[in-house]
Amino acid sequence: MYGLIGKMTAAEGKRDELITILTANSSMPGCLSYIVAKDPADANAIWITEVWDSKESHAASLKLPAVQAAIAKGRPMITGFSDSHETQPVGGIGLPRK
């Protein structure tokens, strides 16, 4: 499995609109978990936690038309990215055991 955890900062007052865009797509082949969370300490910050069956599936998802459209729509609302980390998930509630 392949994982990503990252913090995204939205423009002032745009966090909820950006979250709507990020959570609109419900089907990405190979995606085992895609969680978008509000940062309670920062009114503009969003944490995204992803688990994929492989790094290749994640890369392929970035080419999907729905994902490309979401990126184009959301990009103007994003002021920055930070705390980005790749992980190697090993299991947990909702994830298959390997």
PDB file of N, CA and C in Angstrom:
ATOM      1  N   MET A   1       0.837  -1.180   0.000  1.00  0.00           N
ATOM      2  CA  MET A   1       0.000   0.000   0.000  1.00  0.00           C
ATOM      3  C   MET A   1       0.882   1.244   0.000  1.00  0.00           C
ATOM      4  N   TYR A   2       0.299   2.336  -0.423  1.00  0.00           N
ATOM      5  CA  TYR A   2       0.984   3.617  -0.520  1.00  0.00           C
ATOM      6  C   TYR A   2       0.104   4.669   0.144  1.00  0.00           C
ATOM      7  N   GLY A   3       0.703   5.509   0.973  1.00  0.00           N
ATOM      8  CA  GLY A   3      -0.065   6.530   1.663  1.00  0.00           C
ATOM      9  C   GLY A   3       0.526   7.915   1.537  1.00  0.00           C
ATOM     10  N   LEU A   4      -0.335   8.889   1.690  1.00  0.00           N
ATOM     11  CA  LEU A   4       0.051  10.301   1.698  1.00  0.00           C
ATOM     12  C   LEU A   4      -0.726  11.007   2.798  1.00  0.00           C
ATOM     13  N   ILE A   5      -0.042  11.890   3.496  1.00  0.00           N
ATOM     14  CA  ILE A   5      -0.688  12.758   4.476  1.00  0.00           C
ATOM     15  C   ILE A   5      -0.163  14.153   4.196  1.00  0.00           C
ATOM     16  N   GLY A   6      -1.066  15.112   4.031  1.00  0.00           N
ATOM     17  CA  GLY A   6      -0.608  16.458   3.734  1.00  0.00           C
ATOM     18  C   GLY A   6      -1.564  17.519   4.234  1.00  0.00           C
ATOM     19  N   LYS A   7      -1.002  18.685   4.429  1.00  0.00           N
ATOM     20  CA  LYS A   7      -1.763  19.843   4.873  1.00  0.00           C
ATOM     21  C   LYS A   7      -1.862  20.827   3.720  1.00  0.00           C
ATOM     22  N   MET A   8      -3.075  21.285   3.464  1.00  0.00           N
ATOM     23  CA  MET A   8      -3.350  22.247   2.417  1.00  0.00           C
ATOM     24  C   MET A   8      -3.968  23.477   3.078  1.00  0.00           C
ATOM     25  N   THR A   9      -3.573  24.654   2.633  1.00  0.00           N
ATOM     26  CA  THR A   9      -4.146  25.881   3.168  1.00  0.00           C
ATOM     27  C   THR A   9      -4.988  26.555   2.101  1.00  0.00           C
ATOM     28  N   ALA A  10      -6.217  26.863   2.469  1.00  0.00           N
ATOM     29  CA  ALA A  10      -7.150  27.523   1.559  1.00  0.00           C
ATOM     30  C   ALA A  10      -7.096  29.034   1.761  1.00  0.00           C
ATOM     31  N   ALA A  11      -7.494  29.752   0.735  1.00  0.00           N
ATOM     32  CA  ALA A  11      -7.617  31.200   0.846  1.00  0.00           C
ATOM     33  C   ALA A  11      -8.657  31.521   1.920  1.00  0.00           C
ATOM     34  N   GLU A  12      -8.501  32.651   2.540  1.00  0.00           N
ATOM     35  CA  GLU A  12      -9.413  33.093   3.605  1.00  0.00           C
ATOM     36  C   GLU A  12     -10.871  32.932   3.167  1.00  0.00           C
ATOM     37  N   GLY A  13     -11.633  32.198   3.977  1.00  0.00           N
ATOM     38  CA  GLY A  13     -13.053  32.012   3.723  1.00  0.00           C
ATOM     39  C   GLY A  13     -13.393  30.992   2.645  1.00  0.00           C
ATOM     40  N   LYS A  14     -12.413  30.295   2.089  1.00  0.00           N
ATOM     41  CA  LYS A  14     -12.653  29.354   0.991  1.00  0.00           C
ATOM     42  C   LYS A  14     -12.516  27.891   1.406  1.00  0.00           C
ATOM     43  N   ARG A  15     -12.229  27.625   2.683  1.00  0.00           N
ATOM     44  CA  ARG A  15     -11.975  26.246   3.091  1.00  0.00           C
ATOM     45  C   ARG A  15     -13.159  25.325   2.805  1.00  0.00           C
ATOM     46  N   ASP A  16     -14.357  25.703   3.180  1.00  0.00           N
ATOM     47  CA  ASP A  16     -15.501  24.809   2.985  1.00  0.00           C
ATOM     48  C   ASP A  16     -15.779  24.563   1.504  1.00  0.00           C
ATOM     49  N   GLU A  17     -15.635  25.591   0.686  1.00  0.00           N
ATOM     50  CA  GLU A  17     -15.831  25.427  -0.757  1.00  0.00           C
ATOM     51  C   GLU A  17     -14.779  24.473  -1.335  1.00  0.00           C
ATOM     52  N   LEU A  18     -13.537  24.608  -0.882  1.00  0.00           N
ATOM     53  CA  LEU A  18     -12.473  23.729  -1.336  1.00  0.00           C
ATOM     54  C   LEU A  18     -12.726  22.287  -0.878  1.00  0.00           C
ATOM     55  N   ILE A  19     -13.195  22.115   0.345  1.00  0.00           N
ATOM     56  CA  ILE A  19     -13.521  20.778   0.845  1.00  0.00           C
ATOM     57  C   ILE A  19     -14.604  20.137  -0.021  1.00  0.00           C
ATOM     58  N   THR A  20     -15.594  20.909  -0.422  1.00  0.00           N
ATOM     59  CA  THR A  20     -16.656  20.382  -1.292  1.00  0.00           C
ATOM     60  C   THR A  20     -16.075  19.857  -2.601  1.00  0.00           C
ATOM     61  N   ILE A  21     -15.138  20.588  -3.162  1.00  0.00           N
ATOM     62  CA  ILE A  21     -14.486  20.155  -4.410  1.00  0.00           C
ATOM     63  C   ILE A  21     -13.670  18.888  -4.169  1.00  0.00           C
ATOM     64  N   LEU A  22     -12.899  18.866  -3.076  1.00  0.00           N
ATOM     65  CA  LEU A  22     -12.025  17.727  -2.791  1.00  0.00           C
ATOM     66  C   LEU A  22     -12.788  16.444  -2.493  1.00  0.00           C
ATOM     67  N   THR A  23     -13.998  16.557  -2.007  1.00  0.00           N
ATOM     68  CA  THR A  23     -14.768  15.376  -1.616  1.00  0.00           C
ATOM     69  C   THR A  23     -15.847  14.997  -2.630  1.00  0.00           C
ATOM     70  N   ALA A  24     -15.914  15.683  -3.754  1.00  0.00           N
ATOM     71  CA  ALA A  24     -16.970  15.423  -4.741  1.00  0.00           C
ATOM     72  C   ALA A  24     -16.758  14.129  -5.511  1.00  0.00           C
ATOM     73  N   ASN A  25     -15.515  13.747  -5.773  1.00  0.00           N
ATOM     74  CA  ASN A  25     -15.230  12.552  -6.562  1.00  0.00           C
ATOM     75  C   ASN A  25     -15.267  11.331  -5.652  1.00  0.00           C
ATOM     76  N   SER A  26     -16.124  10.383  -5.973  1.00  0.00           N
ATOM     77  CA  SER A  26     -16.260   9.218  -5.087  1.00  0.00           C
ATOM     78  C   SER A  26     -15.657   7.939  -5.654  1.00  0.00           C
ATOM     79  N   SER A  27     -15.057   8.012  -6.838  1.00  0.00           N
ATOM     80  CA  SER A  27     -14.519   6.797  -7.436  1.00  0.00           C
ATOM     81  C   SER A  27     -13.153   7.045  -8.057  1.00  0.00           C
ATOM     82  N   MET A  28     -12.140   6.466  -7.433  1.00  0.00           N
ATOM     83  CA  MET A  28     -10.791   6.534  -7.976  1.00  0.00           C
ATOM     84  C   MET A  28     -10.203   5.127  -7.860  1.00  0.00           C
ATOM     85  N   PRO A  29      -9.973   4.459  -8.991  1.00  0.00           N
ATOM     86  CA  PRO A  29      -9.452   3.093  -8.948  1.00  0.00           C
ATOM     87  C   PRO A  29      -8.166   2.993  -8.116  1.00  0.00           C
ATOM     88  N   GLY A  30      -8.147   2.030  -7.210  1.00  0.00           N
ATOM     89  CA  GLY A  30      -6.986   1.816  -6.355  1.00  0.00           C
ATOM     90  C   GLY A  30      -6.997   2.604  -5.067  1.00  0.00           C
ATOM     91  N   CYS A  31      -7.943   3.524  -4.918  1.00  0.00           N
ATOM     92  CA  CYS A  31      -8.015   4.326  -3.692  1.00  0.00           C
ATOM     93  C   CYS A  31      -8.748   3.525  -2.614  1.00  0.00           C
ATOM     94  N   LEU A  32      -8.059   3.274  -1.518  1.00  0.00           N
ATOM     95  CA  LEU A  32      -8.633   2.524  -0.407  1.00  0.00           C
ATOM     96  C   LEU A  32      -9.220   3.443   0.654  1.00  0.00           C
ATOM     97  N   SER A  33      -8.687   4.659   0.734  1.00  0.00           N
ATOM     98  CA  SER A  33      -9.171   5.620   1.718  1.00  0.00           C
ATOM     99  C   SER A  33      -8.743   7.019   1.291  1.00  0.00           C
ATOM    100  N   TYR A  34      -9.673   7.969   1.369  1.00  0.00           N
ATOM    101  CA  TYR A  34      -9.381   9.360   1.040  1.00  0.00           C
ATOM    102  C   TYR A  34     -10.161  10.197   2.043  1.00  0.00           C
ATOM    103  N   ILE A  35      -9.469  10.760   3.013  1.00  0.00           N
ATOM    104  CA  ILE A  35     -10.109  11.489   4.105  1.00  0.00           C
ATOM    105  C   ILE A  35      -9.678  12.951   4.061  1.00  0.00           C
ATOM    106  N   VAL A  36     -10.656  13.836   4.083  1.00  0.00           N
ATOM    107  CA  VAL A  36     -10.407  15.272   4.134  1.00  0.00           C
ATOM    108  C   VAL A  36     -10.916  15.752   5.486  1.00  0.00           C
ATOM    109  N   ALA A  37     -10.060  16.468   6.228  1.00  0.00           N
ATOM    110  CA  ALA A  37     -10.423  16.909   7.577  1.00  0.00           C
ATOM    111  C   ALA A  37     -10.083  18.379   7.778  1.00  0.00           C
ATOM    112  N   LYS A  38     -10.933  19.059   8.529  1.00  0.00           N
ATOM    113  CA  LYS A  38     -10.650  20.440   8.912  1.00  0.00           C
ATOM    114  C   LYS A  38      -9.632  20.451  10.047  1.00  0.00           C
ATOM    115  N   ASP A  39      -8.719  21.398  10.004  1.00  0.00           N
ATOM    116  CA  ASP A  39      -7.772  21.595  11.106  1.00  0.00           C
ATOM    117  C   ASP A  39      -8.458  22.496  12.129  1.00  0.00           C
ATOM    118  N   PRO A  40      -8.716  21.998  13.337  1.00  0.00           N
ATOM    119  CA  PRO A  40      -9.431  22.807  14.325  1.00  0.00           C
ATOM    120  C   PRO A  40      -8.628  24.011  14.832  1.00  0.00           C
ATOM    121  N   ALA A  41      -7.312  24.018  14.615  1.00  0.00           N
ATOM    122  CA  ALA A  41      -6.474  25.116  15.097  1.00  0.00           C
ATOM    123  C   ALA A  41      -6.224  26.192  14.036  1.00  0.00           C
ATOM    124  N   ASP A  42      -6.653  25.930  12.800  1.00  0.00           N
ATOM    125  CA  ASP A  42      -6.411  26.868  11.709  1.00  0.00           C
ATOM    126  C   ASP A  42      -7.644  26.886  10.813  1.00  0.00           C
ATOM    127  N   ALA A  43      -8.350  27.989  10.791  1.00  0.00           N
ATOM    128  CA  ALA A  43      -9.619  28.103  10.059  1.00  0.00           C
ATOM    129  C   ALA A  43      -9.475  27.951   8.553  1.00  0.00           C
ATOM    130  N   ASN A  44      -8.247  27.975   8.036  1.00  0.00           N
ATOM    131  CA  ASN A  44      -8.040  27.852   6.593  1.00  0.00           C
ATOM    132  C   ASN A  44      -7.372  26.534   6.194  1.00  0.00           C
ATOM    133  N   ALA A  45      -6.986  25.715   7.160  1.00  0.00           N
ATOM    134  CA  ALA A  45      -6.203  24.516   6.864  1.00  0.00           C
ATOM    135  C   ALA A  45      -7.064  23.260   6.729  1.00  0.00           C
ATOM    136  N   ILE A  46      -6.607  22.391   5.829  1.00  0.00           N
ATOM    137  CA  ILE A  46      -7.245  21.110   5.549  1.00  0.00           C
ATOM    138  C   ILE A  46      -6.154  20.038   5.593  1.00  0.00           C
ATOM    139  N   TRP A  47      -6.447  18.916   6.224  1.00  0.00           N
ATOM    140  CA  TRP A  47      -5.551  17.758   6.218  1.00  0.00           C
ATOM    141  C   TRP A  47      -6.156  16.704   5.304  1.00  0.00           C
ATOM    142  N   ILE A  48      -5.333  16.128   4.438  1.00  0.00           N
ATOM    143  CA  ILE A  48      -5.793  15.080   3.534  1.00  0.00           C
ATOM    144  C   ILE A  48      -4.955  13.830   3.800  1.00  0.00           C
ATOM    145  N   THR A  49      -5.643  12.727   4.061  1.00  0.00           N
ATOM    146  CA  THR A  49      -4.992  11.452   4.318  1.00  0.00           C
ATOM    147  C   THR A  49      -5.484  10.467   3.261  1.00  0.00           C
ATOM    148  N   GLU A  50      -4.548   9.900   2.515  1.00  0.00           N
ATOM    149  CA  GLU A  50      -4.888   8.996   1.425  1.00  0.00           C
ATOM    150  C   GLU A  50      -4.194   7.652   1.602  1.00  0.00           C
ATOM    151  N   VAL A  51      -4.895   6.571   1.241  1.00  0.00           N
ATOM    152  CA  VAL A  51      -4.291   5.248   1.179  1.00  0.00           C
ATOM    153  C   VAL A  51      -4.670   4.651  -0.171  1.00  0.00           C
ATOM    154  N   TRP A  52      -3.645   4.176  -0.880  1.00  0.00           N
ATOM    155  CA  TRP A  52      -3.807   3.603  -2.215  1.00  0.00           C
ATOM    156  C   TRP A  52      -3.260   2.181  -2.220  1.00  0.00           C
ATOM    157  N   ASP A  53      -3.740   1.385  -3.159  1.00  0.00           N
ATOM    158  CA  ASP A  53      -3.193   0.029  -3.266  1.00  0.00           C
ATOM    159  C   ASP A  53      -1.758   0.059  -3.781  1.00  0.00           C
ATOM    160  N   SER A  54      -1.367   1.156  -4.471  1.00  0.00           N
ATOM    161  CA  SER A  54       0.011   1.291  -4.953  1.00  0.00           C
ATOM    162  C   SER A  54       0.297   2.746  -5.310  1.00  0.00           C
ATOM    163  N   LYS A  55       1.564   3.077  -5.383  1.00  0.00           N
ATOM    164  CA  LYS A  55       1.991   4.407  -5.801  1.00  0.00           C
ATOM    165  C   LYS A  55       1.541   4.672  -7.239  1.00  0.00           C
ATOM    166  N   GLU A  56       1.553   3.637  -8.048  1.00  0.00           N
ATOM    167  CA  GLU A  56       1.137   3.762  -9.450  1.00  0.00           C
ATOM    168  C   GLU A  56      -0.339   4.133  -9.573  1.00  0.00           C
ATOM    169  N   SER A  57      -1.188   3.574  -8.721  1.00  0.00           N
ATOM    170  CA  SER A  57      -2.611   3.921  -8.742  1.00  0.00           C
ATOM    171  C   SER A  57      -2.811   5.381  -8.395  1.00  0.00           C
ATOM    172  N   HIS A  58      -2.046   5.863  -7.421  1.00  0.00           N
ATOM    173  CA  HIS A  58      -2.141   7.277  -7.075  1.00  0.00           C
ATOM    174  C   HIS A  58      -1.745   8.141  -8.269  1.00  0.00           C
ATOM    175  N   ALA A  59      -0.626   7.820  -8.906  1.00  0.00           N
ATOM    176  CA  ALA A  59      -0.167   8.590 -10.062  1.00  0.00           C
ATOM    177  C   ALA A  59      -1.206   8.567 -11.187  1.00  0.00           C
ATOM    178  N   ALA A  60      -1.813   7.409 -11.418  1.00  0.00           N
ATOM    179  CA  ALA A  60      -2.830   7.287 -12.466  1.00  0.00           C
ATOM    180  C   ALA A  60      -4.062   8.126 -12.148  1.00  0.00           C
ATOM    181  N   SER A  61      -4.394   8.241 -10.861  1.00  0.00           N
ATOM    182  CA  SER A  61      -5.581   9.010 -10.476  1.00  0.00           C
ATOM    183  C   SER A  61      -5.462  10.478 -10.871  1.00  0.00           C
ATOM    184  N   LEU A  62      -4.254  10.985 -10.882  1.00  0.00           N
ATOM    185  CA  LEU A  62      -4.042  12.392 -11.214  1.00  0.00           C
ATOM    186  C   LEU A  62      -4.336  12.693 -12.682  1.00  0.00           C
ATOM    187  N   LYS A  63      -4.494  11.648 -13.487  1.00  0.00           N
ATOM    188  CA  LYS A  63      -4.799  11.807 -14.911  1.00  0.00           C
ATOM    189  C   LYS A  63      -6.289  11.637 -15.215  1.00  0.00           C
ATOM    190  N   LEU A  64      -7.077  11.239 -14.221  1.00  0.00           N
ATOM    191  CA  LEU A  64      -8.513  11.056 -14.436  1.00  0.00           C
ATOM    192  C   LEU A  64      -9.179  12.398 -14.735  1.00  0.00           C
ATOM    193  N   PRO A  65     -10.104  12.438 -15.703  1.00  0.00           N
ATOM    194  CA  PRO A  65     -10.769  13.709 -16.034  1.00  0.00           C
ATOM    195  C   PRO A  65     -11.435  14.391 -14.832  1.00  0.00           C
ATOM    196  N   ALA A  66     -12.090  13.622 -13.966  1.00  0.00           N
ATOM    197  CA  ALA A  66     -12.752  14.218 -12.800  1.00  0.00           C
ATOM    198  C   ALA A  66     -11.739  14.823 -11.837  1.00  0.00           C
ATOM    199  N   VAL A  67     -10.603  14.178 -11.678  1.00  0.00           N
ATOM    200  CA  VAL A  67      -9.557  14.697 -10.796  1.00  0.00           C
ATOM    201  C   VAL A  67      -8.925  15.943 -11.422  1.00  0.00           C
ATOM    202  N   GLN A  68      -8.669  15.904 -12.723  1.00  0.00           N
ATOM    203  CA  GLN A  68      -8.124  17.075 -13.417  1.00  0.00           C
ATOM    204  C   GLN A  68      -9.075  18.270 -13.283  1.00  0.00           C
ATOM    205  N   ALA A  69     -10.366  18.031 -13.410  1.00  0.00           N
ATOM    206  CA  ALA A  69     -11.357  19.107 -13.273  1.00  0.00           C
ATOM    207  C   ALA A  69     -11.374  19.663 -11.852  1.00  0.00           C
ATOM    208  N   ALA A  70     -11.286  18.785 -10.863  1.00  0.00           N
ATOM    209  CA  ALA A  70     -11.265  19.233  -9.464  1.00  0.00           C
ATOM    210  C   ALA A  70     -10.013  20.061  -9.178  1.00  0.00           C
ATOM    211  N   ILE A  71      -8.878  19.638  -9.717  1.00  0.00           N
ATOM    212  CA  ILE A  71      -7.638  20.392  -9.536  1.00  0.00           C
ATOM    213  C   ILE A  71      -7.780  21.785 -10.141  1.00  0.00           C
ATOM    214  N   ALA A  72      -8.298  21.857 -11.346  1.00  0.00           N
ATOM    215  CA  ALA A  72      -8.461  23.144 -12.026  1.00  0.00           C
ATOM    216  C   ALA A  72      -9.419  24.060 -11.260  1.00  0.00           C
ATOM    217  N   LYS A  73     -10.484  23.496 -10.736  1.00  0.00           N
ATOM    218  CA  LYS A  73     -11.484  24.289 -10.002  1.00  0.00           C
ATOM    219  C   LYS A  73     -10.957  24.736  -8.635  1.00  0.00           C
ATOM    220  N   GLY A  74     -10.209  23.849  -7.968  1.00  0.00           N
ATOM    221  CA  GLY A  74      -9.741  24.149  -6.619  1.00  0.00           C
ATOM    222  C   GLY A  74      -8.470  24.968  -6.549  1.00  0.00           C
ATOM    223  N   ARG A  75      -7.614  24.870  -7.549  1.00  0.00           N
ATOM    224  CA  ARG A  75      -6.297  25.528  -7.522  1.00  0.00           C
ATOM    225  C   ARG A  75      -6.359  27.016  -7.128  1.00  0.00           C
ATOM    226  N   PRO A  76      -7.297  27.805  -7.671  1.00  0.00           N
ATOM    227  CA  PRO A  76      -7.323  29.227  -7.287  1.00  0.00           C
ATOM    228  C   PRO A  76      -7.639  29.474  -5.805  1.00  0.00           C
ATOM    229  N   MET A  77      -8.186  28.482  -5.131  1.00  0.00           N
ATOM    230  CA  MET A  77      -8.547  28.627  -3.714  1.00  0.00           C
ATOM    231  C   MET A  77      -7.437  28.191  -2.775  1.00  0.00           C
ATOM    232  N   ILE A  78      -6.363  27.615  -3.305  1.00  0.00           N
ATOM    233  CA  ILE A  78      -5.281  27.079  -2.485  1.00  0.00           C
ATOM    234  C   ILE A  78      -4.156  28.094  -2.375  1.00  0.00           C
ATOM    235  N   THR A  79      -3.753  28.375  -1.132  1.00  0.00           N
ATOM    236  CA  THR A  79      -2.646  29.317  -0.925  1.00  0.00           C
ATOM    237  C   THR A  79      -1.346  28.610  -0.563  1.00  0.00           C
ATOM    238  N   GLY A  80      -1.416  27.317  -0.255  1.00  0.00           N
ATOM    239  CA  GLY A  80      -0.171  26.623   0.061  1.00  0.00           C
ATOM    240  C   GLY A  80      -0.364  25.183   0.481  1.00  0.00           C
ATOM    241  N   PHE A  81       0.766  24.468   0.469  1.00  0.00           N
ATOM    242  CA  PHE A  81       0.846  23.078   0.914  1.00  0.00           C
ATOM    243  C   PHE A  81       1.990  22.988   1.916  1.00  0.00           C
ATOM    244  N   SER A  82       1.824  22.140   2.932  1.00  0.00           N
ATOM    245  CA  SER A  82       2.906  21.927   3.898  1.00  0.00           C
ATOM    246  C   SER A  82       2.733  20.565   4.544  1.00  0.00           C
ATOM    247  N   ASP A  83       3.719  20.182   5.314  1.00  0.00           N
ATOM    248  CA  ASP A  83       3.648  18.930   6.079  1.00  0.00           C
ATOM    249  C   ASP A  83       3.201  17.753   5.222  1.00  0.00           C
ATOM    250  N   SER A  84       3.798  17.595   4.056  1.00  0.00           N
ATOM    251  CA  SER A  84       3.456  16.494   3.169  1.00  0.00           C
ATOM    252  C   SER A  84       4.389  15.314   3.433  1.00  0.00           C
ATOM    253  N   HIS A  85       3.787  14.139   3.619  1.00  0.00           N
ATOM    254  CA  HIS A  85       4.567  12.945   3.935  1.00  0.00           C
ATOM    255  C   HIS A  85       4.026  11.735   3.196  1.00  0.00           C
ATOM    256  N   GLU A  86       4.924  10.931   2.636  1.00  0.00           N
ATOM    257  CA  GLU A  86       4.555   9.628   2.094  1.00  0.00           C
ATOM    258  C   GLU A  86       4.614   8.624   3.246  1.00  0.00           C
ATOM    259  N   THR A  87       3.709   7.648   3.206  1.00  0.00           N
ATOM    260  CA  THR A  87       3.690   6.604   4.233  1.00  0.00           C
ATOM    261  C   THR A  87       3.545   5.238   3.571  1.00  0.00           C
ATOM    262  N   GLN A  88       3.747   4.198   4.355  1.00  0.00           N
ATOM    263  CA  GLN A  88       3.532   2.823   3.914  1.00  0.00           C
ATOM    264  C   GLN A  88       2.508   2.185   4.852  1.00  0.00           C
ATOM    265  N   PRO A  89       1.211   2.387   4.566  1.00  0.00           N
ATOM    266  CA  PRO A  89       0.184   1.815   5.431  1.00  0.00           C
ATOM    267  C   PRO A  89       0.319   0.296   5.510  1.00  0.00           C
ATOM    268  N   VAL A  90       0.045  -0.248   6.683  1.00  0.00           N
ATOM    269  CA  VAL A  90       0.139  -1.694   6.888  1.00  0.00           C
ATOM    270  C   VAL A  90      -1.196  -2.321   7.275  1.00  0.00           C
ATOM    271  N   GLY A  91      -2.211  -1.517   7.512  1.00  0.00           N
ATOM    272  CA  GLY A  91      -3.528  -2.044   7.853  1.00  0.00           C
ATOM    273  C   GLY A  91      -4.222  -1.152   8.852  1.00  0.00           C
ATOM    274  N   GLY A  92      -5.403  -1.547   9.210  1.00  0.00           N
ATOM    275  CA  GLY A  92      -6.213  -0.777  10.144  1.00  0.00           C
ATOM    276  C   GLY A  92      -7.676  -0.960   9.787  1.00  0.00           C
ATOM    277  N   ILE A  93      -8.528  -0.325  10.533  1.00  0.00           N
ATOM    278  CA  ILE A  93      -9.969  -0.438  10.292  1.00  0.00           C
ATOM    279  C   ILE A  93     -10.280   0.097   8.903  1.00  0.00           C
ATOM    280  N   GLY A  94     -10.932  -0.717   8.101  1.00  0.00           N
ATOM    281  CA  GLY A  94     -11.309  -0.331   6.750  1.00  0.00           C
ATOM    282  C   GLY A  94     -10.270  -0.630   5.689  1.00  0.00           C
ATOM    283  N   LEU A  95      -9.087  -1.059   6.075  1.00  0.00           N
ATOM    284  CA  LEU A  95      -8.046  -1.370   5.106  1.00  0.00           C
ATOM    285  C   LEU A  95      -7.803  -2.871   5.041  1.00  0.00           C
ATOM    286  N   PRO A  96      -7.491  -3.370   3.845  1.00  0.00           N
ATOM    287  CA  PRO A  96      -7.213  -4.802   3.735  1.00  0.00           C
ATOM    288  C   PRO A  96      -5.892  -5.155   4.402  1.00  0.00           C
ATOM    289  N   ARG A  97      -5.797  -6.363   4.885  1.00  0.00           N
ATOM    290  CA  ARG A  97      -4.532  -6.837   5.465  1.00  0.00           C
ATOM    291  C   ARG A  97      -3.642  -7.327   4.339  1.00  0.00           C
ATOM    292  N   LYS A  98      -2.366  -7.043   4.457  1.00  0.00           N
ATOM    293  CA  LYS A  98      -1.409  -7.514   3.439  1.00  0.00           C
ATOM    294  C   LYS A  98      -0.453  -8.482   4.076  1.00  0.00           C
TER     295      LYS A  98
END
